[in-house]
Protein backbone atom coordinates (compact mmCIF):
# COMPACT_ATOMS: atom_id res chain seq x y z
CA MET A 1 4.40 29.29 4.44
CA GLY A 2 7.44 29.61 6.54
CA PHE A 3 9.84 27.28 7.41
CA ILE A 4 8.98 27.12 10.89
CA THR A 5 5.28 26.15 10.05
CA GLY A 6 6.27 23.38 7.56
CA VAL A 7 7.95 22.18 10.07
CA LYS A 8 5.38 21.90 12.64
CA GLU A 9 3.12 20.72 9.62
CA ASP A 10 5.52 17.46 8.96
CA ILE A 11 5.46 16.62 12.48
CA HIS A 12 2.37 16.45 13.19
CA SER A 13 1.88 14.19 9.39
CA VAL A 14 4.46 11.87 11.19
CA PHE A 15 2.05 11.28 14.25
CA ALA A 16 -0.99 11.16 11.72
CA ARG A 17 0.45 8.03 9.35
CA ASP A 18 3.24 6.30 11.55
CA PRO A 19 1.68 4.91 14.70
CA ALA A 20 5.30 4.11 16.11
CA ALA A 21 5.94 7.49 16.79
CA ARG A 22 5.63 8.69 20.40
CA ASN A 23 7.09 12.30 20.65
CA THR A 24 8.19 15.41 19.18
CA PHE A 25 11.34 15.21 20.29
CA GLU A 26 12.10 11.46 18.82
CA VAL A 27 10.16 13.04 15.05
CA LEU A 28 12.31 15.45 15.32
CA PHE A 29 15.81 13.68 15.60
CA HIS A 30 15.21 10.21 14.12
CA TYR A 31 12.93 10.47 11.44
CA PRO A 32 15.69 10.64 8.17
CA GLY A 33 12.44 11.16 5.76
CA LEU A 34 11.80 14.26 7.31
CA HIS A 35 15.68 15.43 7.16
CA ALA A 36 15.86 15.02 3.67
CA VAL A 37 12.62 16.94 2.74
CA TRP A 38 13.67 19.85 5.13
CA CYS A 39 17.26 19.85 3.32
CA HIS A 40 15.34 19.61 -0.11
CA ARG A 41 13.00 22.71 0.55
CA PHE A 42 16.76 24.91 1.25
CA SER A 43 18.32 23.03 -1.77
CA HIS A 44 14.98 23.82 -4.09
CA LYS A 45 15.35 27.37 -2.94
CA LEU A 46 18.99 27.85 -4.12
CA TRP A 47 17.67 25.57 -7.51
CA GLN A 48 15.23 28.56 -8.17
CA TRP A 49 17.81 31.09 -7.54
CA LYS A 50 19.73 29.41 -10.39
CA TRP A 51 22.70 28.55 -8.22
CA TYR A 52 22.70 24.93 -9.33
CA TRP A 53 26.23 23.82 -8.40
CA LEU A 54 25.69 24.54 -4.40
CA ALA A 55 21.58 23.06 -4.96
CA ARG A 56 23.12 19.63 -6.18
CA PHE A 57 26.30 20.11 -3.34
CA PHE A 58 23.55 20.76 -0.66
CA SER A 59 21.53 17.70 -2.03
CA ASN A 60 24.49 15.48 -2.18
CA ILE A 61 25.20 16.01 1.29
CA ALA A 62 21.38 14.88 2.36
CA ARG A 63 21.71 11.92 0.39
CA TRP A 64 25.00 11.20 2.13
CA LEU A 65 23.24 11.50 5.49
CA THR A 66 19.68 10.21 4.94
CA GLY A 67 20.20 7.82 2.12
CA ILE A 68 17.42 9.77 0.10
CA GLU A 69 18.54 11.21 -3.03
CA ILE A 70 15.95 14.30 -4.07
CA HIS A 71 17.03 16.26 -6.96
CA PRO A 72 16.45 20.05 -5.79
CA GLY A 73 14.65 20.78 -9.19
CA ALA A 74 11.53 18.22 -7.68
CA LYS A 75 8.72 20.26 -6.57
CA ILE A 76 6.91 18.81 -3.59
CA GLY A 77 4.21 19.72 -1.29
CA ARG A 78 2.92 20.20 1.74
CA ARG A 79 3.36 17.60 4.43
CA PHE A 80 5.19 15.04 2.08
CA PHE A 81 5.92 11.95 4.51
CA ILE A 82 9.12 9.49 3.67
CA ASP A 83 8.80 6.62 6.19
CA HIS A 84 11.86 4.80 6.64
CA GLY A 85 13.37 6.01 3.53
CA MET A 86 16.11 4.56 3.03
CA GLY A 87 16.74 3.90 -0.79
CA VAL A 88 14.11 6.41 -2.27
CA VAL A 89 15.11 8.17 -5.45
CA ILE A 90 12.74 11.18 -6.76
CA GLY A 91 13.91 12.67 -10.35
CA GLU A 92 14.60 16.48 -11.12
CA THR A 93 10.97 17.16 -12.99
CA ALA A 94 9.01 14.95 -10.52
CA GLU A 95 6.10 16.86 -8.92
CA ILE A 96 4.12 15.77 -5.76
CA GLY A 97 1.44 17.32 -3.90
CA ASP A 98 0.08 17.65 -0.53
CA ASP A 99 0.00 14.79 2.42
CA VAL A 100 1.70 12.30 -0.10
CA THR A 101 3.35 9.36 1.42
CA LEU A 102 6.50 7.15 0.32
CA TYR A 103 7.77 4.32 1.78
CA HIS A 104 11.59 3.08 1.72
CA GLY A 105 13.10 1.95 -1.72
CA VAL A 106 10.50 3.73 -3.81
CA THR A 107 11.46 5.40 -7.23
CA LEU A 108 10.31 8.28 -9.27
CA GLY A 109 12.66 7.93 -12.32
CA GLY A 110 12.51 8.97 -15.77
CA THR A 111 12.46 6.66 -19.03
CA THR A 112 14.47 8.75 -21.65
CA TRP A 113 17.08 10.87 -21.60
CA ASN A 114 15.17 14.19 -23.40
CA LYS A 115 15.11 17.20 -21.40
CA GLY A 116 11.77 18.29 -20.29
CA LYS A 117 9.17 16.66 -18.05
CA ARG A 118 10.39 13.35 -17.66
CA HIS A 119 9.47 12.49 -14.42
CA PRO A 120 5.75 11.49 -12.51
CA THR A 121 3.54 13.78 -11.23
CA LEU A 122 2.10 12.84 -7.84
CA LYS A 123 -1.46 14.19 -6.81
CA ASP A 124 -2.89 14.79 -3.03
CA ASN A 125 -3.00 11.81 -0.70
CA VAL A 126 -1.16 9.66 -2.79
CA VAL A 127 0.39 6.92 -1.19
CA ILE A 128 3.21 4.71 -2.88
CA GLY A 129 4.30 0.74 -0.87
CA ALA A 130 8.03 0.39 -0.83
CA GLY A 131 9.89 -0.47 -3.72
CA ALA A 132 7.51 0.73 -6.51
CA LYS A 133 8.87 2.48 -9.22
CA VAL A 134 6.82 4.98 -10.89
CA LEU A 135 8.14 5.86 -14.22
CA GLY A 136 7.87 8.40 -16.87
CA PRO A 137 5.85 11.91 -16.97
CA LEU A 138 2.85 10.21 -16.24
CA THR A 139 0.18 11.41 -13.29
CA VAL A 140 -1.17 9.29 -10.56
CA GLY A 141 -4.46 10.93 -9.28
CA GLU A 142 -5.66 12.24 -6.04
CA GLU A 143 -5.96 9.37 -3.50
CA ALA A 144 -4.67 6.36 -5.66
CA ARG A 145 -2.45 3.81 -3.95
CA ILE A 146 0.08 2.24 -5.56
CA GLY A 147 1.29 -1.52 -4.18
CA SER A 148 4.87 -2.49 -3.26
CA ASN A 149 7.26 -3.96 -5.67
CA ALA A 150 5.00 -2.34 -8.48
CA VAL A 151 5.98 -0.76 -11.77
CA VAL A 152 3.95 1.89 -12.85
CA VAL A 153 4.30 3.07 -16.32
CA ARG A 154 1.14 4.57 -16.96
CA ASP A 155 -1.83 6.92 -15.53
CA VAL A 156 -3.13 5.56 -12.60
CA PRO A 157 -6.74 7.09 -11.73
CA ALA A 158 -7.80 9.15 -8.58
CA LYS A 159 -8.65 6.82 -5.92
CA THR A 160 -7.33 3.25 -7.56
CA THR A 161 -5.03 0.66 -6.24
CA VAL A 162 -2.53 -0.58 -8.67
CA VAL A 163 -0.62 -3.48 -8.14
CA GLY A 164 2.31 -5.84 -10.31
CA ILE A 165 4.26 -5.35 -12.97
CA PRO A 166 3.85 -3.64 -15.34
CA ALA A 167 1.24 -2.08 -12.40
CA ARG A 168 -2.70 -2.80 -13.35
CA VAL A 169 -5.67 -1.51 -11.18
CA ALA A 170 -6.62 -4.29 -9.20
CA LYS A 171 -9.96 -5.54 -9.43
CA SER A 172 -11.70 -8.70 -7.61
CA GLY A 173 -14.33 -8.39 -9.67
CA VAL A 174 -16.79 -8.16 -6.56
CA ASP A 175 -19.43 -5.75 -5.75
CA LYS A 176 -19.63 -3.13 -3.03
CA LYS A 177 -22.76 -5.69 -2.03
CA THR A 178 -21.13 -8.84 -1.92
CA SER A 179 -18.08 -7.47 -0.58
CA GLU A 180 -19.74 -6.60 2.63
CA ARG A 181 -21.59 -9.68 2.77
CA ARG A 182 -18.42 -11.21 2.88
CA LYS A 183 -16.82 -9.60 5.57
CA LYS A 184 -19.84 -9.75 7.75
CA MET A 185 -19.47 -13.55 7.32
CA ALA A 186 -16.29 -13.78 7.68
CA LYS A 187 -16.43 -11.73 10.85
CA ALA A 188 -18.91 -14.66 12.26
CA TYR A 189 -17.21 -17.85 10.59
CA GLY A 190 -14.21 -16.63 12.81
CA PHE A 191 -12.21 -15.44 9.49
CA ASP A 192 -12.22 -12.24 10.28
CA ALA A 193 -8.24 -11.78 9.43
CA TYR A 194 -9.10 -12.62 5.60
CA ALA A 195 -11.95 -10.26 5.26
CA ILE A 196 -9.46 -8.14 2.97
CA ALA A 197 -10.93 -5.18 0.99
CA ALA A 198 -12.47 -6.19 -2.81
CA ASP A 199 -9.63 -4.56 -4.36
CA ASN A 200 -6.77 -6.81 -2.80
CA PRO A 201 -5.56 -9.16 -5.67
CA ASP A 202 -4.34 -11.83 -3.22
CA PRO A 203 -5.27 -15.00 -4.29
CA VAL A 204 -5.90 -17.16 -0.61
CA ALA A 205 -8.31 -14.09 -0.06
CA THR A 206 -9.63 -14.32 -3.04
CA SER A 207 -10.12 -18.30 -3.13
CA ILE A 208 -11.61 -18.09 0.63
CA GLY A 209 -14.25 -15.41 -0.16
CA ARG A 210 -15.48 -17.90 -2.78
CA MET A 211 -15.61 -20.62 -0.51
CA LEU A 212 -18.00 -18.12 2.19
CA ASP A 213 -19.91 -17.43 -0.79
CA HIS A 214 -20.64 -21.43 -1.24
CA VAL A 215 -20.95 -21.83 2.80
CA ASP A 216 -23.62 -18.74 2.32
CA LEU A 217 -25.30 -20.43 -0.34
CA LEU A 218 -25.14 -23.92 1.38
CA ASP A 219 -26.79 -22.57 4.85
CA GLN A 220 -29.70 -20.79 3.15
CA ARG A 221 -30.30 -24.08 0.74
CA VAL A 222 -30.67 -25.85 3.82
CA ALA A 223 -32.70 -23.23 5.96
CA ASP A 224 -35.45 -24.04 3.34
CA LEU A 225 -34.99 -27.62 3.07
CA CYS A 226 -35.53 -27.62 7.12
CA GLN A 227 -38.74 -25.40 7.06
CA ALA A 228 -40.16 -27.49 4.51
CA VAL A 229 -39.80 -30.30 6.22
CA ASN A 230 -40.66 -29.00 9.64
CA LYS A 231 -43.84 -27.64 7.71
CA LEU A 232 -44.60 -31.71 6.70
CA GLY A 233 -44.35 -32.60 10.54
CA GLY A 234 -40.82 -33.19 10.70
CA ASP A 235 -38.32 -31.78 13.22
CA VAL A 236 -34.93 -31.58 11.81
CA CYS A 237 -32.31 -29.02 11.58
CA GLY A 238 -31.69 -27.35 14.65
CA GLU A 239 -28.80 -25.27 15.35
CA ILE A 240 -25.72 -25.14 12.99
CA PRO A 241 -22.51 -25.50 14.88
CA LYS A 242 -19.71 -22.95 14.36
CA VAL A 243 -16.48 -23.37 12.90
CA ASP A 244 -13.96 -23.75 15.13
CA VAL A 245 -10.88 -21.58 14.54
CA GLU A 246 -8.68 -23.70 16.40
CA ASP A 247 -9.68 -26.62 13.78
CA VAL A 248 -8.80 -24.32 10.88
CA GLU A 249 -5.43 -23.38 12.08
CA PHE A 250 -4.42 -26.57 12.13
CA LEU A 251 -5.77 -27.51 8.89
CA GLU A 252 -3.83 -24.53 7.54
CA GLU A 253 -0.52 -25.34 9.50
CA THR A 254 -0.71 -28.89 7.97
CA ALA A 255 -1.35 -27.88 4.65
CA ARG A 256 1.80 -25.89 5.28
CA ALA A 257 4.08 -28.33 6.29
CA ALA A 258 3.05 -30.86 3.57
CA GLU A 259 4.23 -27.79 1.13
CA ARG A 260 7.25 -27.80 3.03
CA ARG A 261 8.00 -31.67 2.84
CA GLU A 262 7.02 -31.62 -1.59
CA SER A 263 10.01 -28.47 -1.54
CA SER A 264 12.47 -30.63 0.39
CA GLN A 265 12.09 -33.42 -1.71
CA SER A 266 11.98 -31.95 -4.88
CA ASN A 267 14.67 -29.89 -3.75
CA SER A 268 16.92 -33.52 -2.66
CA SER A 269 15.76 -34.94 -5.92
CA ASP A 270 17.55 -32.20 -8.01
């Protein structure tokens, strides 16, 4: 692959992954993540030719200009995109596949002073959130996702999401059928903003999901009771009123205000 072809691919990949990109001219001149990658390709070629001092010299210049430190020995695939970029560090023996995305503050570091393979290997289509640290000669499988500020010290399976310190596979204990049902209910009740993926460990989203399960069960039981009463000659249970989203937002704001008051009172007592 020629340098010009690689540059074109990189620019097109930005449009695919960054909605803030408006035109080619802007991407070409105002994306330090791309500048760092292009400089790395040159310094990496020097490293392969065993011109180690010169390779490190050019990589240091790139670091000064972009705030991104990529060791010239690192192996990087096609369409690699570093968004924002400031504070990214990629070690000497790191290996990165195609279509990988890193955000600012990511570290692909080592955990030993011994020579040899000591940095991570990222397979194709991996995405690593801002501030995450991936440490050691581990492997991150294809299409894996690493949450912001996670610290990864072991292999990550393909097509999984890991979060936390130390990073663990994010699980909510919810099967696909339940997850889809919750999404439909959330949209119907006006909670579409909370219809978060099942592998998201957000405790608020988890609590709301359980509330939706409870509401759904109550609706079913009430509907069964209404049918039974109507069969006996009664006339009950008209249309169930919908949840008013404005009322929900008011309750949420009230709860947040109460939390702020409690926090200020505890601080003043200290």
